[in-house]
PDB file of N, CA and C in Angstrom:
ATOM      1  N   MET A   1       1.653  93.416  27.286  1.00  0.00           N
ATOM      2  CA  MET A   1       2.312  92.503  26.374  1.00  0.00           C
ATOM      3  C   MET A   1       3.438  93.248  25.677  1.00  0.00           C
ATOM      4  N   VAL A   2       4.485  92.535  25.304  1.00  0.00           N
ATOM      5  CA  VAL A   2       5.607  93.128  24.589  1.00  0.00           C
ATOM      6  C   VAL A   2       5.387  92.929  23.092  1.00  0.00           C
ATOM      7  N   VAL A   3       5.509  94.017  22.337  1.00  0.00           N
ATOM      8  CA  VAL A   3       5.449  93.982  20.879  1.00  0.00           C
ATOM      9  C   VAL A   3       6.733  94.590  20.350  1.00  0.00           C
ATOM     10  N   THR A   4       7.028  94.345  19.092  1.00  0.00           N
ATOM     11  CA  THR A   4       8.231  94.927  18.491  1.00  0.00           C
ATOM     12  C   THR A   4       7.851  95.790  17.303  1.00  0.00           C
ATOM     13  N   GLY A   5       8.759  96.692  16.953  1.00  0.00           N
ATOM     14  CA  GLY A   5       8.560  97.509  15.769  1.00  0.00           C
ATOM     15  C   GLY A   5       8.607  96.633  14.527  1.00  0.00           C
ATOM     16  N   TRP A   6       7.882  97.045  13.505  1.00  0.00           N
ATOM     17  CA  TRP A   6       7.854  96.328  12.234  1.00  0.00           C
ATOM     18  C   TRP A   6       7.972  97.347  11.111  1.00  0.00           C
ATOM     19  N   ASN A   7       8.661  96.961  10.039  1.00  0.00           N
ATOM     20  CA  ASN A   7       8.772  97.812   8.857  1.00  0.00           C
ATOM     21  C   ASN A   7       8.792  96.935   7.621  1.00  0.00           C
ATOM     22  N   ASN A   8       8.201  97.445   6.551  1.00  0.00           N
ATOM     23  CA  ASN A   8       8.144  96.684   5.302  1.00  0.00           C
ATOM     24  C   ASN A   8       9.431  96.781   4.491  1.00  0.00           C
ATOM     25  N   GLY A   9      10.438  97.464   5.012  1.00  0.00           N
ATOM     26  CA  GLY A   9      11.723  97.594   4.341  1.00  0.00           C
ATOM     27  C   GLY A   9      11.921  98.926   3.639  1.00  0.00           C
ATOM     28  N   ALA A  10      10.867  99.740   3.560  1.00  0.00           N
ATOM     29  CA  ALA A  10      10.956 101.001   2.820  1.00  0.00           C
ATOM     30  C   ALA A  10      11.455 102.168   3.669  1.00  0.00           C
ATOM     31  N   HIS A  11      11.239 102.160   4.955  1.00  0.00           N
ATOM     32  CA  HIS A  11      11.658 103.241   5.866  1.00  0.00           C
ATOM     33  C   HIS A  11      11.217 104.608   5.363  1.00  0.00           C
ATOM     34  N   SER A  12       9.964 104.722   4.996  1.00  0.00           N
ATOM     35  CA  SER A  12       9.400 105.954   4.455  1.00  0.00           C
ATOM     36  C   SER A  12       9.356 107.062   5.506  1.00  0.00           C
ATOM     37  N   ARG A  13       9.738 108.267   5.111  1.00  0.00           N
ATOM     38  CA  ARG A  13       9.721 109.417   6.018  1.00  0.00           C
ATOM     39  C   ARG A  13       8.309 109.809   6.431  1.00  0.00           C
ATOM     40  N   ASN A  14       7.307 109.483   5.612  1.00  0.00           N
ATOM     41  CA  ASN A  14       5.930 109.850   5.966  1.00  0.00           C
ATOM     42  C   ASN A  14       5.285 108.827   6.898  1.00  0.00           C
ATOM     43  N   GLY A  15       6.027 107.809   7.309  1.00  0.00           N
ATOM     44  CA  GLY A  15       5.538 106.829   8.270  1.00  0.00           C
ATOM     45  C   GLY A  15       4.896 105.593   7.670  1.00  0.00           C
ATOM     46  N   ALA A  16       4.656 105.602   6.372  1.00  0.00           N
ATOM     47  CA  ALA A  16       4.032 104.442   5.737  1.00  0.00           C
ATOM     48  C   ALA A  16       4.927 103.218   5.886  1.00  0.00           C
ATOM     49  N   GLY A  17       4.307 102.065   6.086  1.00  0.00           N
ATOM     50  CA  GLY A  17       5.059 100.817   6.162  1.00  0.00           C
ATOM     51  C   GLY A  17       5.616 100.480   7.526  1.00  0.00           C
ATOM     52  N   TYR A  18       5.224 101.234   8.556  1.00  0.00           N
ATOM     53  CA  TYR A  18       5.667 100.944   9.921  1.00  0.00           C
ATOM     54  C   TYR A  18       4.500 100.434  10.758  1.00  0.00           C
ATOM     55  N   GLY A  19       4.828  99.674  11.789  1.00  0.00           N
ATOM     56  CA  GLY A  19       3.802  99.193  12.697  1.00  0.00           C
ATOM     57  C   GLY A  19       4.396  98.398  13.839  1.00  0.00           C
ATOM     58  N   PHE A  20       3.564  97.543  14.416  1.00  0.00           N
ATOM     59  CA  PHE A  20       3.963  96.709  15.543  1.00  0.00           C
ATOM     60  C   PHE A  20       3.700  95.249  15.215  1.00  0.00           C
ATOM     61  N   ARG A  21       4.609  94.376  15.637  1.00  0.00           N
ATOM     62  CA  ARG A  21       4.446  92.930  15.497  1.00  0.00           C
ATOM     63  C   ARG A  21       3.993  92.391  16.853  1.00  0.00           C
ATOM     64  N   VAL A  22       2.865  91.684  16.847  1.00  0.00           N
ATOM     65  CA  VAL A  22       2.293  91.080  18.058  1.00  0.00           C
ATOM     66  C   VAL A  22       2.532  89.579  17.998  1.00  0.00           C
ATOM     67  N   GLN A  23       3.003  89.000  19.080  1.00  0.00           N
ATOM     68  CA  GLN A  23       3.176  87.551  19.155  1.00  0.00           C
ATOM     69  C   GLN A  23       1.806  86.875  19.070  1.00  0.00           C
ATOM     70  N   THR A  24       1.748  85.713  18.439  1.00  0.00           N
ATOM     71  CA  THR A  24       0.462  85.047  18.245  1.00  0.00           C
ATOM     72  C   THR A  24      -0.215  84.693  19.571  1.00  0.00           C
ATOM     73  N   ALA A  25       0.537  84.314  20.596  1.00  0.00           N
ATOM     74  CA  ALA A  25      -0.072  83.994  21.893  1.00  0.00           C
ATOM     75  C   ALA A  25      -0.735  85.235  22.496  1.00  0.00           C
ATOM     76  N   ASP A  26      -0.090  86.399  22.356  1.00  0.00           N
ATOM     77  CA  ASP A  26      -0.681  87.650  22.847  1.00  0.00           C
ATOM     78  C   ASP A  26      -1.889  88.042  22.004  1.00  0.00           C
ATOM     79  N   ARG A  27      -1.793  87.850  20.709  1.00  0.00           N
ATOM     80  CA  ARG A  27      -2.925  88.129  19.820  1.00  0.00           C
ATOM     81  C   ARG A  27      -4.137  87.325  20.266  1.00  0.00           C
ATOM     82  N   ASP A  28      -3.922  86.034  20.507  1.00  0.00           N
ATOM     83  CA  ASP A  28      -5.018  85.159  20.891  1.00  0.00           C
ATOM     84  C   ASP A  28      -5.597  85.533  22.261  1.00  0.00           C
ATOM     85  N   ALA A  29      -4.760  86.038  23.155  1.00  0.00           N
ATOM     86  CA  ALA A  29      -5.205  86.370  24.508  1.00  0.00           C
ATOM     87  C   ALA A  29      -5.882  87.739  24.607  1.00  0.00           C
ATOM     88  N   PHE A  30      -5.443  88.714  23.796  1.00  0.00           N
ATOM     89  CA  PHE A  30      -5.882  90.092  23.996  1.00  0.00           C
ATOM     90  C   PHE A  30      -6.707  90.700  22.859  1.00  0.00           C
ATOM     91  N   PHE A  31      -6.845  89.998  21.744  1.00  0.00           N
ATOM     92  CA  PHE A  31      -7.585  90.524  20.598  1.00  0.00           C
ATOM     93  C   PHE A  31      -8.800  89.642  20.319  1.00  0.00           C
ATOM     94  N   GLN A  32      -9.811  90.220  19.693  1.00  0.00           N
ATOM     95  CA  GLN A  32     -11.015  89.466  19.357  1.00  0.00           C
ATOM     96  C   GLN A  32     -11.201  89.433  17.851  1.00  0.00           C
ATOM     97  N   LYS A  33     -11.638  88.289  17.357  1.00  0.00           N
ATOM     98  CA  LYS A  33     -11.766  88.090  15.915  1.00  0.00           C
ATOM     99  C   LYS A  33     -12.812  88.990  15.265  1.00  0.00           C
ATOM    100  N   ASP A  34     -13.755  89.506  16.022  1.00  0.00           N
ATOM    101  CA  ASP A  34     -14.766  90.369  15.423  1.00  0.00           C
ATOM    102  C   ASP A  34     -14.332  91.833  15.326  1.00  0.00           C
ATOM    103  N   TRP A  35     -13.168  92.166  15.868  1.00  0.00           N
ATOM    104  CA  TRP A  35     -12.661  93.538  15.743  1.00  0.00           C
ATOM    105  C   TRP A  35     -12.139  93.778  14.337  1.00  0.00           C
ATOM    106  N   THR A  36     -12.419  94.950  13.794  1.00  0.00           N
ATOM    107  CA  THR A  36     -11.873  95.339  12.486  1.00  0.00           C
ATOM    108  C   THR A  36     -10.729  96.327  12.646  1.00  0.00           C
ATOM    109  N   SER A  37     -10.608  96.911  13.844  1.00  0.00           N
ATOM    110  CA  SER A  37      -9.509  97.840  14.119  1.00  0.00           C
ATOM    111  C   SER A  37      -9.315  97.923  15.627  1.00  0.00           C
ATOM    112  N   ILE A  38      -8.210  98.549  16.023  1.00  0.00           N
ATOM    113  CA  ILE A  38      -7.974  98.852  17.432  1.00  0.00           C
ATOM    114  C   ILE A  38      -7.662 100.335  17.551  1.00  0.00           C
ATOM    115  N   GLN A  39      -7.906 100.875  18.715  1.00  0.00           N
ATOM    116  CA  GLN A  39      -7.569 102.256  19.034  1.00  0.00           C
ATOM    117  C   GLN A  39      -6.335 102.224  19.926  1.00  0.00           C
ATOM    118  N   VAL A  40      -5.316 102.980  19.561  1.00  0.00           N
ATOM    119  CA  VAL A  40      -4.063 102.955  20.309  1.00  0.00           C
ATOM    120  C   VAL A  40      -3.675 104.360  20.739  1.00  0.00           C
ATOM    121  N   GLU A  41      -3.391 104.512  22.032  1.00  0.00           N
ATOM    122  CA  GLU A  41      -2.821 105.735  22.573  1.00  0.00           C
ATOM    123  C   GLU A  41      -1.310 105.596  22.475  1.00  0.00           C
ATOM    124  N   LEU A  42      -0.664 106.526  21.784  1.00  0.00           N
ATOM    125  CA  LEU A  42       0.793 106.510  21.640  1.00  0.00           C
ATOM    126  C   LEU A  42       1.402 107.385  22.732  1.00  0.00           C
ATOM    127  N   GLU A  43       2.368 106.858  23.443  1.00  0.00           N
ATOM    128  CA  GLU A  43       3.014 107.584  24.535  1.00  0.00           C
ATOM    129  C   GLU A  43       3.439 108.983  24.087  1.00  0.00           C
ATOM    130  N   GLY A  44       3.013 109.996  24.856  1.00  0.00           N
ATOM    131  CA  GLY A  44       3.411 111.370  24.569  1.00  0.00           C
ATOM    132  C   GLY A  44       2.554 112.077  23.539  1.00  0.00           C
ATOM    133  N   GLU A  45       1.533 111.413  23.008  1.00  0.00           N
ATOM    134  CA  GLU A  45       0.664 112.007  21.985  1.00  0.00           C
ATOM    135  C   GLU A  45      -0.751 112.153  22.531  1.00  0.00           C
ATOM    136  N   GLU A  46      -1.489 113.120  21.996  1.00  0.00           N
ATOM    137  CA  GLU A  46      -2.890 113.314  22.353  1.00  0.00           C
ATOM    138  C   GLU A  46      -3.767 112.409  21.502  1.00  0.00           C
ATOM    139  N   GLY A  47      -4.874 111.961  22.058  1.00  0.00           N
ATOM    140  CA  GLY A  47      -5.844 111.188  21.294  1.00  0.00           C
ATOM    141  C   GLY A  47      -5.389 109.774  21.013  1.00  0.00           C
ATOM    142  N   THR A  48      -6.084 109.143  20.071  1.00  0.00           N
ATOM    143  CA  THR A  48      -5.778 107.767  19.708  1.00  0.00           C
ATOM    144  C   THR A  48      -5.566 107.641  18.208  1.00  0.00           C
ATOM    145  N   VAL A  49      -4.942 106.546  17.826  1.00  0.00           N
ATOM    146  CA  VAL A  49      -4.722 106.199  16.424  1.00  0.00           C
ATOM    147  C   VAL A  49      -5.566 104.970  16.132  1.00  0.00           C
ATOM    148  N   ASP A  50      -6.321 105.002  15.055  1.00  0.00           N
ATOM    149  CA  ASP A  50      -7.111 103.858  14.622  1.00  0.00           C
ATOM    150  C   ASP A  50      -6.222 102.992  13.737  1.00  0.00           C
ATOM    151  N   ILE A  51      -5.964 101.761  14.165  1.00  0.00           N
ATOM    152  CA  ILE A  51      -5.125 100.848  13.390  1.00  0.00           C
ATOM    153  C   ILE A  51      -6.005  99.691  12.914  1.00  0.00           C
ATOM    154  N   PRO A  52      -6.165  99.557  11.598  1.00  0.00           N
ATOM    155  CA  PRO A  52      -6.986  98.453  11.094  1.00  0.00           C
ATOM    156  C   PRO A  52      -6.323  97.105  11.362  1.00  0.00           C
ATOM    157  N   LEU A  53      -7.139  96.108  11.673  1.00  0.00           N
ATOM    158  CA  LEU A  53      -6.627  94.749  11.814  1.00  0.00           C
ATOM    159  C   LEU A  53      -6.677  94.106  10.434  1.00  0.00           C
ATOM    160  N   PRO A  54      -5.580  93.517   9.994  1.00  0.00           N
ATOM    161  CA  PRO A  54      -5.498  92.988   8.631  1.00  0.00           C
ATOM    162  C   PRO A  54      -6.235  91.668   8.407  1.00  0.00           C
ATOM    163  N   GLY A  55      -7.458  91.583   8.879  1.00  0.00           N
ATOM    164  CA  GLY A  55      -8.345  90.460   8.597  1.00  0.00           C
ATOM    165  C   GLY A  55      -7.753  89.087   8.855  1.00  0.00           C
ATOM    166  N   GLU A  56      -7.967  88.197   7.883  1.00  0.00           N
ATOM    167  CA  GLU A  56      -7.518  86.808   8.028  1.00  0.00           C
ATOM    168  C   GLU A  56      -6.013  86.701   8.209  1.00  0.00           C
ATOM    169  N   ALA A  57      -5.256  87.588   7.601  1.00  0.00           N
ATOM    170  CA  ALA A  57      -3.793  87.546   7.737  1.00  0.00           C
ATOM    171  C   ALA A  57      -3.375  87.711   9.196  1.00  0.00           C
ATOM    172  N   PHE A  58      -4.075  88.570   9.930  1.00  0.00           N
ATOM    173  CA  PHE A  58      -3.754  88.799  11.340  1.00  0.00           C
ATOM    174  C   PHE A  58      -3.963  87.528  12.153  1.00  0.00           C
ATOM    175  N   TRP A  59      -4.955  86.730  11.773  1.00  0.00           N
ATOM    176  CA  TRP A  59      -5.300  85.525  12.517  1.00  0.00           C
ATOM    177  C   TRP A  59      -4.641  84.270  11.956  1.00  0.00           C
ATOM    178  N   SER A  60      -3.780  84.428  10.977  1.00  0.00           N
ATOM    179  CA  SER A  60      -3.089  83.270  10.411  1.00  0.00           C
ATOM    180  C   SER A  60      -2.040  82.745  11.397  1.00  0.00           C
ATOM    181  N   GLU A  61      -1.447  81.613  11.066  1.00  0.00           N
ATOM    182  CA  GLU A  61      -0.439  80.989  11.930  1.00  0.00           C
ATOM    183  C   GLU A  61       0.722  81.932  12.234  1.00  0.00           C
ATOM    184  N   ASN A  62       1.166  82.681  11.238  1.00  0.00           N
ATOM    185  CA  ASN A  62       2.294  83.603  11.419  1.00  0.00           C
ATOM    186  C   ASN A  62       1.867  84.991  11.858  1.00  0.00           C
ATOM    187  N   GLY A  63       0.575  85.285  11.777  1.00  0.00           N
ATOM    188  CA  GLY A  63       0.095  86.610  12.140  1.00  0.00           C
ATOM    189  C   GLY A  63       0.516  87.651  11.132  1.00  0.00           C
ATOM    190  N   ALA A  64       0.078  88.860  11.341  1.00  0.00           N
ATOM    191  CA  ALA A  64       0.426  89.992  10.482  1.00  0.00           C
ATOM    192  C   ALA A  64       0.599  91.207  11.382  1.00  0.00           C
ATOM    193  N   PRO A  65       1.442  92.145  10.994  1.00  0.00           N
ATOM    194  CA  PRO A  65       1.687  93.318  11.834  1.00  0.00           C
ATOM    195  C   PRO A  65       0.503  94.272  11.848  1.00  0.00           C
ATOM    196  N   LEU A  66       0.473  95.103  12.866  1.00  0.00           N
ATOM    197  CA  LEU A  66      -0.478  96.208  12.963  1.00  0.00           C
ATOM    198  C   LEU A  66       0.207  97.410  12.333  1.00  0.00           C
ATOM    199  N   VAL A  67      -0.268  97.856  11.187  1.00  0.00           N
ATOM    200  CA  VAL A  67       0.442  98.867  10.395  1.00  0.00           C
ATOM    201  C   VAL A  67      -0.365 100.150  10.304  1.00  0.00           C
ATOM    202  N   SER A  68       0.326 101.289  10.500  1.00  0.00           N
ATOM    203  CA  SER A  68      -0.309 102.596  10.392  1.00  0.00           C
ATOM    204  C   SER A  68       0.759 103.662  10.144  1.00  0.00           C
ATOM    205  N   PRO A  69       0.530 104.561   9.182  1.00  0.00           N
ATOM    206  CA  PRO A  69       1.474 105.668   8.991  1.00  0.00           C
ATOM    207  C   PRO A  69       1.634 106.517  10.254  1.00  0.00           C
ATOM    208  N   ALA A  70       0.569 106.647  11.057  1.00  0.00           N
ATOM    209  CA  ALA A  70       0.666 107.423  12.298  1.00  0.00           C
ATOM    210  C   ALA A  70       1.664 106.787  13.257  1.00  0.00           C
ATOM    211  N   VAL A  71       1.699 105.465  13.298  1.00  0.00           N
ATOM    212  CA  VAL A  71       2.681 104.763  14.128  1.00  0.00           C
ATOM    213  C   VAL A  71       4.081 105.051  13.597  1.00  0.00           C
ATOM    214  N   GLY A  72       4.250 104.990  12.294  1.00  0.00           N
ATOM    215  CA  GLY A  72       5.550 105.282  11.694  1.00  0.00           C
ATOM    216  C   GLY A  72       6.028 106.694  11.993  1.00  0.00           C
ATOM    217  N   ARG A  73       5.132 107.657  11.893  1.00  0.00           N
ATOM    218  CA  ARG A  73       5.518 109.046  12.213  1.00  0.00           C
ATOM    219  C   ARG A  73       5.918 109.165  13.673  1.00  0.00           C
ATOM    220  N   TRP A  74       5.182 108.478  14.564  1.00  0.00           N
ATOM    221  CA  TRP A  74       5.508 108.508  15.985  1.00  0.00           C
ATOM    222  C   TRP A  74       6.877 107.870  16.238  1.00  0.00           C
ATOM    223  N   LEU A  75       7.139 106.736  15.604  1.00  0.00           N
ATOM    224  CA  LEU A  75       8.440 106.073  15.753  1.00  0.00           C
ATOM    225  C   LEU A  75       9.570 106.981  15.293  1.00  0.00           C
ATOM    226  N   ARG A  76       9.408 107.584  14.123  1.00  0.00           N
ATOM    227  CA  ARG A  76      10.457 108.447  13.575  1.00  0.00           C
ATOM    228  C   ARG A  76      10.635 109.700  14.424  1.00  0.00           C
ATOM    229  N   LYS A  77       9.530 110.305  14.855  1.00  0.00           N
ATOM    230  CA  LYS A  77       9.580 111.514  15.683  1.00  0.00           C
ATOM    231  C   LYS A  77      10.348 111.272  16.976  1.00  0.00           C
ATOM    232  N   ASN A  78      10.227 110.064  17.531  1.00  0.00           N
ATOM    233  CA  ASN A  78      10.871 109.729  18.796  1.00  0.00           C
ATOM    234  C   ASN A  78      12.228 109.059  18.632  1.00  0.00           C
ATOM    235  N   GLY A  79      12.770 109.064  17.424  1.00  0.00           N
ATOM    236  CA  GLY A  79      14.098 108.493  17.179  1.00  0.00           C
ATOM    237  C   GLY A  79      14.131 106.979  17.286  1.00  0.00           C
ATOM    238  N   LEU A  80      12.991 106.333  17.130  1.00  0.00           N
ATOM    239  CA  LEU A  80      12.909 104.879  17.266  1.00  0.00           C
ATOM    240  C   LEU A  80      12.943 104.166  15.923  1.00  0.00           C
ATOM    241  N   ALA A  81      12.952 104.911  14.850  1.00  0.00           N
ATOM    242  CA  ALA A  81      13.003 104.345  13.497  1.00  0.00           C
ATOM    243  C   ALA A  81      13.778 105.312  12.620  1.00  0.00           C
ATOM    244  N   PRO A  82      14.459 104.825  11.627  1.00  0.00           N
ATOM    245  CA  PRO A  82      14.676 103.409  11.337  1.00  0.00           C
ATOM    246  C   PRO A  82      15.635 102.776  12.355  1.00  0.00           C
ATOM    247  N   TRP A  83      15.651 101.462  12.378  1.00  0.00           N
ATOM    248  CA  TRP A  83      16.513 100.703  13.289  1.00  0.00           C
ATOM    249  C   TRP A  83      17.403  99.766  12.482  1.00  0.00           C
ATOM    250  N   ALA A  84      18.423  99.251  13.151  1.00  0.00           N
ATOM    251  CA  ALA A  84      19.343  98.311  12.498  1.00  0.00           C
ATOM    252  C   ALA A  84      18.592  97.037  12.125  1.00  0.00           C
ATOM    253  N   ARG A  85      18.906  96.500  10.979  1.00  0.00           N
ATOM    254  CA  ARG A  85      18.244  95.284  10.497  1.00  0.00           C
ATOM    255  C   ARG A  85      18.300  94.186  11.562  1.00  0.00           C
ATOM    256  N   GLY A  86      17.152  93.592  11.823  1.00  0.00           N
ATOM    257  CA  GLY A  86      17.077  92.506  12.795  1.00  0.00           C
ATOM    258  C   GLY A  86      17.061  92.946  14.245  1.00  0.00           C
ATOM    259  N   ASN A  87      16.997  94.268  14.492  1.00  0.00           N
ATOM    260  CA  ASN A  87      17.039  94.771  15.862  1.00  0.00           C
ATOM    261  C   ASN A  87      15.934  95.812  16.094  1.00  0.00           C
ATOM    262  N   PRO A  88      14.660  95.403  15.933  1.00  0.00           N
ATOM    263  CA  PRO A  88      13.578  96.378  16.121  1.00  0.00           C
ATOM    264  C   PRO A  88      13.415  96.749  17.588  1.00  0.00           C
ATOM    265  N   PRO A  89      12.937  97.960  17.842  1.00  0.00           N
ATOM    266  CA  PRO A  89      12.690  98.358  19.225  1.00  0.00           C
ATOM    267  C   PRO A  89      11.516  97.577  19.816  1.00  0.00           C
ATOM    268  N   ALA A  90      11.507  97.470  21.140  1.00  0.00           N
ATOM    269  CA  ALA A  90      10.428  96.782  21.851  1.00  0.00           C
ATOM    270  C   ALA A  90       9.533  97.804  22.537  1.00  0.00           C
ATOM    271  N   PHE A  91       8.260  97.439  22.657  1.00  0.00           N
ATOM    272  CA  PHE A  91       7.265  98.312  23.263  1.00  0.00           C
ATOM    273  C   PHE A  91       6.358  97.481  24.160  1.00  0.00           C
ATOM    274  N   ILE A  92       5.701  98.172  25.082  1.00  0.00           N
ATOM    275  CA  ILE A  92       4.672  97.557  25.910  1.00  0.00           C
ATOM    276  C   ILE A  92       3.331  98.026  25.357  1.00  0.00           C
ATOM    277  N   LEU A  93       2.480  97.082  24.993  1.00  0.00           N
ATOM    278  CA  LEU A  93       1.132  97.374  24.513  1.00  0.00           C
ATOM    279  C   LEU A  93       0.170  96.916  25.597  1.00  0.00           C
ATOM    280  N   ASP A  94      -0.394  97.895  26.313  1.00  0.00           N
ATOM    281  CA  ASP A  94      -1.279  97.596  27.437  1.00  0.00           C
ATOM    282  C   ASP A  94      -2.737  97.656  26.996  1.00  0.00           C
ATOM    283  N   PRO A  95      -3.507  96.589  27.233  1.00  0.00           N
ATOM    284  CA  PRO A  95      -4.942  96.661  26.976  1.00  0.00           C
ATOM    285  C   PRO A  95      -5.585  97.614  27.987  1.00  0.00           C
ATOM    286  N   ILE A  96      -6.487  98.466  27.520  1.00  0.00           N
ATOM    287  CA  ILE A  96      -7.188  99.388  28.420  1.00  0.00           C
ATOM    288  C   ILE A  96      -8.614  98.895  28.631  1.00  0.00           C
ATOM    289  N   GLU A  97      -9.352  98.828  27.541  1.00  0.00           N
ATOM    290  CA  GLU A  97     -10.733  98.355  27.598  1.00  0.00           C
ATOM    291  C   GLU A  97     -11.189  98.057  26.176  1.00  0.00           C
ATOM    292  N   GLY A  98     -11.824  96.923  25.984  1.00  0.00           N
ATOM    293  CA  GLY A  98     -12.295  96.558  24.646  1.00  0.00           C
ATOM    294  C   GLY A  98     -11.142  96.547  23.661  1.00  0.00           C
ATOM    295  N   ASN A  99     -11.307  97.259  22.552  1.00  0.00           N
ATOM    296  CA  ASN A  99     -10.268  97.297  21.522  1.00  0.00           C
ATOM    297  C   ASN A  99      -9.356  98.523  21.664  1.00  0.00           C
ATOM    298  N   ARG A 100      -9.275  99.055  22.870  1.00  0.00           N
ATOM    299  CA  ARG A 100      -8.423 100.225  23.130  1.00  0.00           C
ATOM    300  C   ARG A 100      -7.174  99.794  23.889  1.00  0.00           C
ATOM    301  N   PHE A 101      -6.018 100.289  23.408  1.00  0.00           N
ATOM    302  CA  PHE A 101      -4.715  99.932  23.969  1.00  0.00           C
ATOM    303  C   PHE A 101      -3.870 101.188  24.154  1.00  0.00           C
ATOM    304  N   ARG A 102      -2.834 101.059  24.963  1.00  0.00           N
ATOM    305  CA  ARG A 102      -1.843 102.125  25.146  1.00  0.00           C
ATOM    306  C   ARG A 102      -0.481 101.526  24.853  1.00  0.00           C
ATOM    307  N   VAL A 103       0.348 102.239  24.084  1.00  0.00           N
ATOM    308  CA  VAL A 103       1.692 101.749  23.788  1.00  0.00           C
ATOM    309  C   VAL A 103       2.716 102.703  24.390  1.00  0.00           C
ATOM    310  N   ARG A 104       3.770 102.111  24.922  1.00  0.00           N
ATOM    311  CA  ARG A 104       4.879 102.888  25.486  1.00  0.00           C
ATOM    312  C   ARG A 104       6.175 102.162  25.202  1.00  0.00           C
ATOM    313  N   LYS A 105       7.240 102.907  25.238  1.00  0.00           N
ATOM    314  CA  LYS A 105       8.553 102.301  25.013  1.00  0.00           C
ATOM    315  C   LYS A 105       8.857 101.327  26.149  1.00  0.00           C
ATOM    316  N   ALA A 106       9.397 100.177  25.783  1.00  0.00           N
ATOM    317  CA  ALA A 106       9.782  99.193  26.801  1.00  0.00           C
ATOM    318  C   ALA A 106      11.037  99.681  27.507  1.00  0.00           C
ATOM    319  N   PRO A 107      11.140  99.418  28.796  1.00  0.00           N
ATOM    320  CA  PRO A 107      12.374  99.789  29.497  1.00  0.00           C
ATOM    321  C   PRO A 107      13.556  99.062  28.879  1.00  0.00           C
ATOM    322  N   ARG A 108      14.677  99.730  28.831  1.00  0.00           N
ATOM    323  CA  ARG A 108      15.892  99.097  28.291  1.00  0.00           C
ATOM    324  C   ARG A 108      16.378  98.036  29.246  1.00  0.00           C
ATOM    325  N   GLN A 109      16.799  96.937  28.665  1.00  0.00           N
ATOM    326  CA  GLN A 109      17.365  95.859  29.476  1.00  0.00           C
ATOM    327  C   GLN A 109      18.830  96.183  29.795  1.00  0.00           C
ATOM    328  N   ARG A 110      19.222  95.992  31.014  1.00  0.00           N
ATOM    329  CA  ARG A 110      20.617  96.188  31.397  1.00  0.00           C
ATOM    330  C   ARG A 110      21.398  94.938  31.040  1.00  0.00           C
ATOM    331  N   PRO A 111      22.583  95.090  30.507  1.00  0.00           N
ATOM    332  CA  PRO A 111      23.375  93.902  30.176  1.00  0.00           C
ATOM    333  C   PRO A 111      23.722  93.090  31.430  1.00  0.00           C
ATOM    334  N   ALA A 112      23.673  91.787  31.296  1.00  0.00           N
ATOM    335  CA  ALA A 112      24.054  90.910  32.412  1.00  0.00           C
ATOM    336  C   ALA A 112      25.568  90.791  32.443  1.00  0.00           C
ATOM    337  N   PHE A 113      26.133  90.836  33.627  1.00  0.00           N
ATOM    338  CA  PHE A 113      27.591  90.719  33.785  1.00  0.00           C
ATOM    339  C   PHE A 113      27.936  89.403  34.403  1.00  0.00           C
TER     340      PHE A 113
END
């Protein structure tokens, strides 16, 4: 599934306030309401990051982002944050098993001529 970068507007150097925005259709297809968190493998990093699911807000009509300072540090370390307003980077979030996922940078789209 394709997700986009999310930020609360603070662009903190310690990574706070960064995460991923999941489309509601993907949320409904790949996430379970009884999960309290997900485990995410970040491309190029060892181990996993535990990202809490924001409860009822995540399951609301508009959804809520998956937020973690570790995600923010990874974005900043890889030159993916901060980004221009309204132009967040895209990522592929692959389900592995259960509540475990892998995230990688989405391939760049070539301009159509």
